[in-house]
Amino acid sequence: MAHELRKRGMTRAEIGEIVEAHADTIGRWLKLDKNNLQVNRGGRKLGEARQLTADEEKSLQKKIVDQTPDQFKLSYAPWTRKSVQELIAQETRKVLPIRTVGE
């Protein structure tokens, strides 16, 4: 309905009054492809620009599951984001932000 009203020259605010939605919401609706109704959110796609290769991730995951931080001379008892971050740097020479390690 929002697409049709927009074709008739109505503003987002006018459409919002008719369908009882905020103009910003109407704007988001108008960004939808009316054929498949999916939002184009822009930005990076999931998994794009990863810093570790799949093999590096698999190897690191195995080490984390099979071993403890002290076996890698890390001063942590359980695995923490900080200890995983240090393991990644130690094994791959890549320094990842702590937030990235958590994700």
Protein backbone atom coordinates (compact mmCIF):
# COMPACT_ATOMS: atom_id res chain seq x y z
CA MET A 1 0.00 0.00 0.00
CA ALA A 2 2.87 2.38 0.87
CA HIS A 3 4.39 1.83 -2.58
CA GLU A 4 1.12 2.57 -4.31
CA LEU A 5 0.50 5.73 -2.30
CA ARG A 6 4.05 6.91 -3.00
CA LYS A 7 3.46 6.41 -6.75
CA ARG A 8 0.51 8.77 -6.40
CA GLY A 9 2.92 11.45 -5.14
CA MET A 10 2.17 11.31 -1.44
CA THR A 11 4.87 12.09 1.12
CA ARG A 12 6.04 9.64 3.76
CA ALA A 13 4.23 11.67 6.42
CA GLU A 14 0.97 11.60 4.45
CA ILE A 15 1.27 7.87 3.90
CA GLY A 16 2.04 7.44 7.60
CA GLU A 17 -1.17 9.22 8.57
CA ILE A 18 -3.21 6.94 6.33
CA VAL A 19 -1.65 3.65 7.47
CA GLU A 20 -1.07 4.84 11.05
CA ALA A 21 2.71 4.43 11.05
CA HIS A 22 5.59 6.83 11.61
CA ALA A 23 7.14 8.49 8.54
CA ASP A 24 10.49 6.81 9.29
CA THR A 25 8.77 3.43 9.23
CA ILE A 26 7.20 4.31 5.89
CA GLY A 27 10.67 5.21 4.63
CA ARG A 28 11.96 1.76 5.60
CA TRP A 29 8.98 0.14 3.91
CA LEU A 30 9.63 2.08 0.73
CA LYS A 31 13.19 0.76 0.66
CA LEU A 32 11.79 -2.76 0.43
CA ASP A 33 11.76 -4.39 -2.94
CA LYS A 34 8.02 -4.70 -3.43
CA ASN A 35 8.44 -8.02 -5.24
CA ASN A 36 10.27 -9.93 -2.53
CA LEU A 37 9.93 -7.57 0.46
CA GLN A 38 13.50 -7.90 1.70
CA VAL A 39 15.37 -4.98 3.23
CA ASN A 40 18.65 -3.96 1.65
CA ARG A 41 20.58 -3.14 4.80
CA GLY A 42 23.81 -2.27 3.00
CA GLY A 43 27.18 -2.68 4.65
CA ARG A 44 29.22 -5.84 4.80
CA LYS A 45 27.66 -9.22 4.26
CA LEU A 46 27.91 -11.83 7.03
CA GLY A 47 31.40 -13.32 7.04
CA GLU A 48 32.82 -10.76 4.66
CA ALA A 49 36.28 -9.33 5.51
CA ARG A 50 37.08 -12.10 8.00
CA GLN A 51 40.57 -11.86 9.42
CA LEU A 52 41.10 -15.56 10.05
CA THR A 53 40.94 -18.24 7.40
CA ALA A 54 38.61 -21.20 7.87
CA ASP A 55 41.64 -23.44 8.52
CA GLU A 56 42.98 -21.05 11.17
CA GLU A 57 39.59 -20.94 12.88
CA LYS A 58 39.28 -24.73 12.85
CA SER A 59 42.79 -25.20 14.23
CA LEU A 60 42.25 -22.63 16.98
CA GLN A 61 38.90 -24.13 17.94
CA LYS A 62 40.49 -27.56 18.28
CA LYS A 63 43.25 -26.17 20.49
CA ILE A 64 40.74 -24.39 22.71
CA VAL A 65 38.65 -27.54 23.11
CA ASP A 66 41.56 -29.94 23.60
CA GLN A 67 43.94 -27.85 25.69
CA THR A 68 44.01 -25.28 28.49
CA PRO A 69 45.47 -21.76 28.44
CA ASP A 70 48.40 -22.70 30.68
CA GLN A 71 49.57 -25.22 28.07
CA PHE A 72 50.15 -22.24 25.78
CA LYS A 73 51.93 -20.31 28.58
CA LEU A 74 48.95 -17.98 28.97
CA SER A 75 48.22 -16.76 32.51
CA TYR A 76 44.53 -17.65 32.61
CA ALA A 77 42.73 -20.56 34.24
CA PRO A 78 39.64 -20.95 32.04
CA TRP A 79 39.46 -19.73 28.47
CA THR A 80 38.43 -16.08 28.35
CA ARG A 81 38.10 -13.68 25.45
CA LYS A 82 41.45 -12.18 26.45
CA SER A 83 43.18 -15.58 26.50
CA VAL A 84 41.65 -16.51 23.13
CA GLN A 85 42.79 -13.14 21.75
CA GLU A 86 46.35 -13.86 22.93
CA LEU A 87 46.25 -17.40 21.52
CA ILE A 88 45.17 -16.04 18.13
CA ALA A 89 48.03 -13.54 18.16
CA GLN A 90 50.49 -16.23 19.27
CA GLU A 91 49.41 -18.75 16.65
CA THR A 92 48.62 -16.52 13.65
CA ARG A 93 50.45 -13.24 14.37
CA LYS A 94 47.11 -11.50 13.85
CA VAL A 95 45.81 -9.11 16.50
CA LEU A 96 42.01 -9.15 16.65
CA PRO A 97 39.94 -6.68 18.69
CA ILE A 98 38.50 -8.19 21.86
CA ARG A 99 34.96 -7.65 20.57
CA THR A 100 35.75 -9.62 17.41
CA VAL A 101 37.15 -12.46 19.52
CA GLY A 102 33.91 -12.52 21.51
CA GLU A 103 31.82 -12.84 18.38
